Amino acid sequence: MHMVIVMMGRLPWRLVTLCCLYGLVVGCATAPTERVHYSLLEPGAQDKPIQIIVLEPDVVVKELSAGGVGQEVKQWSEQATRNVNKSVDRYVSSHADLKQVAMPDLTAAESAIVDEHVALYRIVGLTARVMTAGTDPAWAHKREYFDYTLGSGLQFLKEKTGADVALIVAGAEYVSTGGRKGMMVVGAMFGVPITLGHSNLVIAMVDLKSGDILWINSEFSYAKKDIRDSDDADDMVEGLFEEFPVL
């Protein structure tokens, strides 16, 4: 029996930039959103995690001005975070193959190590998604032989809890102001495309012993879903788990 630890933290601005870039890539690409580590594609790779520890999610929501400048609205971020947290809890509790367990107590030093590796994931994991989301032949080998890793620094969690993998989630949303929507209308009149807001959640399953990113998937919505709305958050979280290996 294996265990999954779900981790989520506040996104640095460089990650928000990656989320924007990733959204544009996904919007234009025809490639599937998920990537699977080559080891899970090998015959006999049947051992799957079924127990989950969920840490409180954290989604950054920014208001997009007429000029395209984004500024975080903390109240919106907190609302989106609560919605995603509830959505994940509901999803896990509704599937008999998934069992939620409590996160063990960590020392200050252990917590710092976890935070460092989650921050590392924000760069490595999302970069991996951006670079392999398109059809550029330069990255064909990574799409076919997906083998990104965070290193073995989180192995102590495996030793402390018996867990085998960590499930790490990151999220960002941009909400257009009235001025931005007006700019889109004016731009359309003159043939100048003006993008509106979008929502993006990215999820990854990481092996705690090796640090390998075993599976990564994303859910992107361009001006259709709003994570501040609980129903929309449910839809996006369900979309993330559609290809979850354990199910």
Protein backbone atom coordinates (compact mmCIF):
# COMPACT_ATOMS: atom_id res chain seq x y z
CA MET A 1 0.00 0.00 0.00
CA HIS A 2 1.42 3.35 -1.02
CA MET A 3 0.71 6.89 0.07
CA VAL A 4 0.56 10.21 -1.79
CA ILE A 5 1.39 13.57 -0.26
CA VAL A 6 -0.27 16.59 -1.87
CA MET A 7 1.71 19.84 -1.58
CA MET A 8 0.87 23.34 -2.70
CA GLY A 9 2.47 26.72 -1.96
CA ARG A 10 2.42 30.37 -2.95
CA LEU A 11 3.59 31.01 -6.44
CA PRO A 12 6.52 33.36 -7.12
CA TRP A 13 6.01 35.85 -9.93
CA ARG A 14 8.32 33.92 -12.25
CA LEU A 15 5.96 30.95 -11.86
CA VAL A 16 2.97 33.13 -12.75
CA THR A 17 4.87 34.12 -15.88
CA LEU A 18 5.46 30.45 -16.66
CA CYS A 19 1.76 29.75 -16.13
CA CYS A 20 0.89 32.49 -18.63
CA LEU A 21 3.37 31.12 -21.15
CA TYR A 22 2.13 27.61 -20.56
CA GLY A 23 -1.46 28.72 -21.11
CA LEU A 24 -0.54 30.24 -24.44
CA VAL A 25 1.31 27.08 -25.45
CA VAL A 26 -1.61 24.83 -24.49
CA GLY A 27 -4.03 27.10 -26.31
CA CYS A 28 -2.09 26.68 -29.54
CA ALA A 29 -0.81 23.14 -29.26
CA THR A 30 -2.58 19.92 -30.14
CA ALA A 31 -0.36 17.75 -27.92
CA PRO A 32 -1.98 16.11 -24.85
CA THR A 33 -1.62 18.02 -21.58
CA GLU A 34 -0.28 15.13 -19.53
CA ARG A 35 3.24 13.72 -19.47
CA VAL A 36 4.22 10.36 -17.94
CA HIS A 37 7.66 9.27 -16.77
CA TYR A 38 9.04 6.59 -19.05
CA SER A 39 9.24 4.10 -16.14
CA LEU A 40 5.44 4.09 -15.76
CA LEU A 41 5.07 3.16 -19.42
CA GLU A 42 7.14 0.01 -19.05
CA PRO A 43 5.42 -3.41 -18.81
CA GLY A 44 4.71 -4.42 -15.22
CA ALA A 45 4.47 -0.87 -13.85
CA GLN A 46 1.23 -1.67 -12.00
CA ASP A 47 2.01 -0.50 -8.44
CA LYS A 48 -0.07 2.64 -7.84
CA PRO A 49 -0.54 4.92 -4.79
CA ILE A 50 -3.94 4.90 -3.10
CA GLN A 51 -3.52 7.00 0.10
CA ILE A 52 -3.33 10.78 -0.02
CA ILE A 53 -2.25 13.56 2.34
CA VAL A 54 -3.65 16.95 1.28
CA LEU A 55 -1.94 20.20 2.25
CA GLU A 56 -3.95 23.39 1.97
CA PRO A 57 -3.73 24.66 -1.62
CA ASP A 58 -2.62 28.16 -2.57
CA VAL A 59 -3.74 29.81 -5.81
CA VAL A 60 -2.63 33.29 -6.88
CA VAL A 61 -5.36 35.42 -8.49
CA LYS A 62 -4.36 38.67 -10.18
CA GLU A 63 -6.44 41.43 -11.74
CA LEU A 64 -5.41 42.23 -15.31
CA SER A 65 -5.49 45.94 -16.12
CA ALA A 66 -6.33 47.51 -19.49
CA GLY A 67 -2.61 47.72 -20.20
CA GLY A 68 -2.03 44.05 -19.38
CA VAL A 69 -0.46 44.58 -15.93
CA GLY A 70 -1.46 42.01 -13.32
CA GLN A 71 -1.80 42.80 -9.61
CA GLU A 72 -2.69 40.19 -7.00
CA VAL A 73 -5.96 40.62 -5.12
CA LYS A 74 -5.34 38.79 -1.86
CA GLN A 75 -9.02 38.26 -1.06
CA TRP A 76 -9.54 36.60 -4.45
CA SER A 77 -6.46 34.42 -3.96
CA GLU A 78 -7.76 33.25 -0.59
CA GLN A 79 -11.19 32.46 -2.06
CA ALA A 80 -9.70 30.51 -4.96
CA THR A 81 -7.43 28.64 -2.55
CA ARG A 82 -10.39 27.62 -0.37
CA ASN A 83 -12.33 26.47 -3.41
CA VAL A 84 -9.50 24.32 -4.75
CA ASN A 85 -8.91 22.86 -1.29
CA LYS A 86 -12.57 21.88 -0.96
CA SER A 87 -12.64 20.55 -4.51
CA VAL A 88 -9.64 18.29 -3.90
CA ASP A 89 -11.14 17.06 -0.61
CA ARG A 90 -14.46 16.28 -2.31
CA TYR A 91 -12.77 14.51 -5.18
CA VAL A 92 -10.59 12.35 -2.94
CA SER A 93 -13.44 11.43 -0.59
CA SER A 94 -15.67 10.43 -3.51
CA HIS A 95 -13.25 7.80 -4.87
CA ALA A 96 -12.89 4.52 -3.03
CA ASP A 97 -9.44 3.99 -4.55
CA LEU A 98 -8.15 7.12 -2.80
CA LYS A 99 -7.79 7.49 0.96
CA GLN A 100 -6.83 10.72 2.68
CA VAL A 101 -4.45 10.46 5.67
CA ALA A 102 -2.98 13.04 8.02
CA MET A 103 0.31 14.81 7.30
CA PRO A 104 2.92 13.94 9.98
CA ASP A 105 4.49 16.61 12.17
CA LEU A 106 7.66 18.08 10.67
CA THR A 107 10.53 19.89 12.35
CA ALA A 108 11.37 23.43 11.25
CA ALA A 109 14.32 22.07 9.27
CA GLU A 110 12.17 19.43 7.56
CA SER A 111 9.52 22.01 6.70
CA ALA A 112 12.20 24.21 5.16
CA ILE A 113 13.43 21.31 2.99
CA VAL A 114 9.88 20.63 1.80
CA ASP A 115 9.40 24.31 0.96
CA GLU A 116 12.67 24.37 -0.97
CA HIS A 117 11.70 21.37 -3.07
CA VAL A 118 8.20 22.66 -3.73
CA ALA A 119 9.82 25.91 -4.95
CA LEU A 120 12.16 23.81 -7.11
CA TYR A 121 9.16 22.00 -8.56
CA ARG A 122 7.58 25.31 -9.49
CA ILE A 123 10.50 25.93 -11.81
CA VAL A 124 11.45 22.43 -13.00
CA GLY A 125 7.94 21.00 -13.23
CA LEU A 126 6.30 23.89 -15.02
CA THR A 127 9.30 24.38 -17.27
CA ALA A 128 8.97 20.70 -18.21
CA ARG A 129 5.31 21.24 -19.10
CA VAL A 130 6.02 24.37 -21.14
CA MET A 131 8.90 22.82 -23.05
CA THR A 132 7.06 19.58 -23.86
CA ALA A 133 3.59 21.03 -24.53
CA GLY A 134 4.27 22.10 -28.10
CA THR A 135 5.43 20.27 -31.19
CA ASP A 136 8.97 21.67 -31.46
CA PRO A 137 11.14 18.80 -32.76
CA ALA A 138 13.98 19.96 -30.49
CA TRP A 139 11.99 18.66 -27.49
CA ALA A 140 10.63 15.49 -29.13
CA HIS A 141 13.02 13.29 -27.12
CA LYS A 142 11.67 14.72 -23.84
CA ARG A 143 8.07 14.16 -24.92
CA GLU A 144 8.86 10.54 -25.72
CA TYR A 145 11.28 9.92 -22.84
CA PHE A 146 9.98 12.17 -20.06
CA ASP A 147 12.55 12.01 -17.24
CA TYR A 148 12.61 15.31 -15.31
CA THR A 149 13.60 15.12 -11.63
CA LEU A 150 13.82 17.23 -8.47
CA GLY A 151 16.55 15.11 -6.88
CA SER A 152 16.33 12.92 -3.78
CA GLY A 153 16.05 15.64 -1.12
CA LEU A 154 12.52 14.62 -0.10
CA GLN A 155 13.45 11.02 0.65
CA PHE A 156 13.18 11.73 4.39
CA LEU A 157 9.40 12.03 3.90
CA LYS A 158 9.35 8.49 2.58
CA GLU A 159 11.34 7.32 5.60
CA LYS A 160 9.20 9.32 8.04
CA THR A 161 5.77 8.36 6.69
CA GLY A 162 6.18 5.37 4.40
CA ALA A 163 4.91 7.51 1.52
CA ASP A 164 6.22 6.76 -1.96
CA VAL A 165 5.10 9.81 -3.95
CA ALA A 166 4.15 13.44 -3.52
CA LEU A 167 1.35 15.14 -5.44
CA ILE A 168 2.27 18.80 -6.00
CA VAL A 169 -0.23 21.36 -7.35
CA ALA A 170 0.30 24.95 -8.49
CA GLY A 171 -2.30 27.45 -9.68
CA ALA A 172 -2.71 30.95 -11.08
CA GLU A 173 -5.61 33.00 -12.42
CA TYR A 174 -5.88 36.34 -14.20
CA VAL A 175 -9.17 38.27 -14.05
CA SER A 176 -9.78 40.99 -16.66
CA THR A 177 -10.93 44.41 -15.52
CA GLY A 178 -13.70 46.25 -17.35
CA GLY A 179 -11.01 48.35 -19.00
CA ARG A 180 -9.26 45.23 -20.29
CA LYS A 181 -12.51 43.92 -21.76
CA GLY A 182 -13.09 47.28 -23.40
CA MET A 183 -9.60 47.12 -24.91
CA MET A 184 -10.46 43.73 -26.37
CA VAL A 185 -13.55 45.16 -28.10
CA VAL A 186 -11.59 48.09 -29.51
CA GLY A 187 -8.74 45.83 -30.55
CA ALA A 188 -11.16 43.52 -32.38
CA MET A 189 -12.45 46.48 -34.37
CA PHE A 190 -8.94 47.17 -35.65
CA GLY A 191 -7.80 43.57 -35.98
CA VAL A 192 -5.54 43.73 -32.91
CA PRO A 193 -5.94 40.67 -30.63
CA ILE A 194 -6.23 41.48 -26.92
CA THR A 195 -6.21 38.47 -24.59
CA LEU A 196 -8.53 38.28 -21.60
CA GLY A 197 -8.00 36.52 -18.29
CA HIS A 198 -7.39 32.81 -17.81
CA SER A 199 -7.20 30.11 -15.14
CA ASN A 200 -4.49 27.47 -14.88
CA LEU A 201 -3.85 24.55 -12.51
CA VAL A 202 -0.88 22.18 -12.87
CA ILE A 203 -0.53 18.91 -10.94
CA ALA A 204 2.45 16.52 -10.69
CA MET A 205 3.18 13.21 -8.99
CA VAL A 206 6.77 13.03 -7.71
CA ASP A 207 8.65 9.95 -6.51
CA LEU A 208 9.93 10.73 -3.00
CA LYS A 209 12.94 8.41 -3.25
CA SER A 210 14.34 9.55 -6.59
CA GLY A 211 12.60 12.91 -7.03
CA ASP A 212 11.48 11.87 -10.53
CA ILE A 213 8.36 13.59 -11.85
CA LEU A 214 6.31 10.48 -12.58
CA TRP A 215 3.26 12.22 -14.00
CA ILE A 216 2.22 15.78 -14.67
CA ASN A 217 -1.05 17.18 -15.98
CA SER A 218 -2.73 20.55 -16.29
CA GLU A 219 -6.11 22.20 -16.70
CA PHE A 220 -6.33 25.51 -18.53
CA SER A 221 -9.35 27.72 -19.16
CA TYR A 222 -9.28 30.87 -21.25
CA ALA A 223 -11.89 33.33 -19.96
CA LYS A 224 -14.39 30.52 -19.28
CA LYS A 225 -13.64 29.13 -15.81
CA ASP A 226 -13.17 31.21 -12.68
CA ILE A 227 -11.52 29.40 -9.74
CA ARG A 228 -13.18 31.89 -7.40
CA ASP A 229 -16.41 30.06 -8.24
CA SER A 230 -16.74 26.73 -6.41
CA ASP A 231 -18.41 24.92 -9.32
CA ASP A 232 -15.70 26.05 -11.73
CA ALA A 233 -13.03 24.98 -9.24
CA ASP A 234 -14.68 21.53 -9.06
CA ASP A 235 -14.63 21.23 -12.84
CA MET A 236 -10.95 22.19 -13.11
CA VAL A 237 -9.86 19.85 -10.30
CA GLU A 238 -11.79 16.97 -11.89
CA GLY A 239 -10.03 17.80 -15.16
CA LEU A 240 -6.66 17.51 -13.43
CA PHE A 241 -7.44 14.04 -12.12
CA GLU A 242 -8.90 12.64 -15.36
CA GLU A 243 -5.62 10.96 -16.25
CA PHE A 244 -4.44 10.29 -12.67
CA PRO A 245 -2.55 6.97 -12.85
CA VAL A 246 -4.13 5.55 -9.68
CA LEU A 247 -7.57 5.79 -11.28
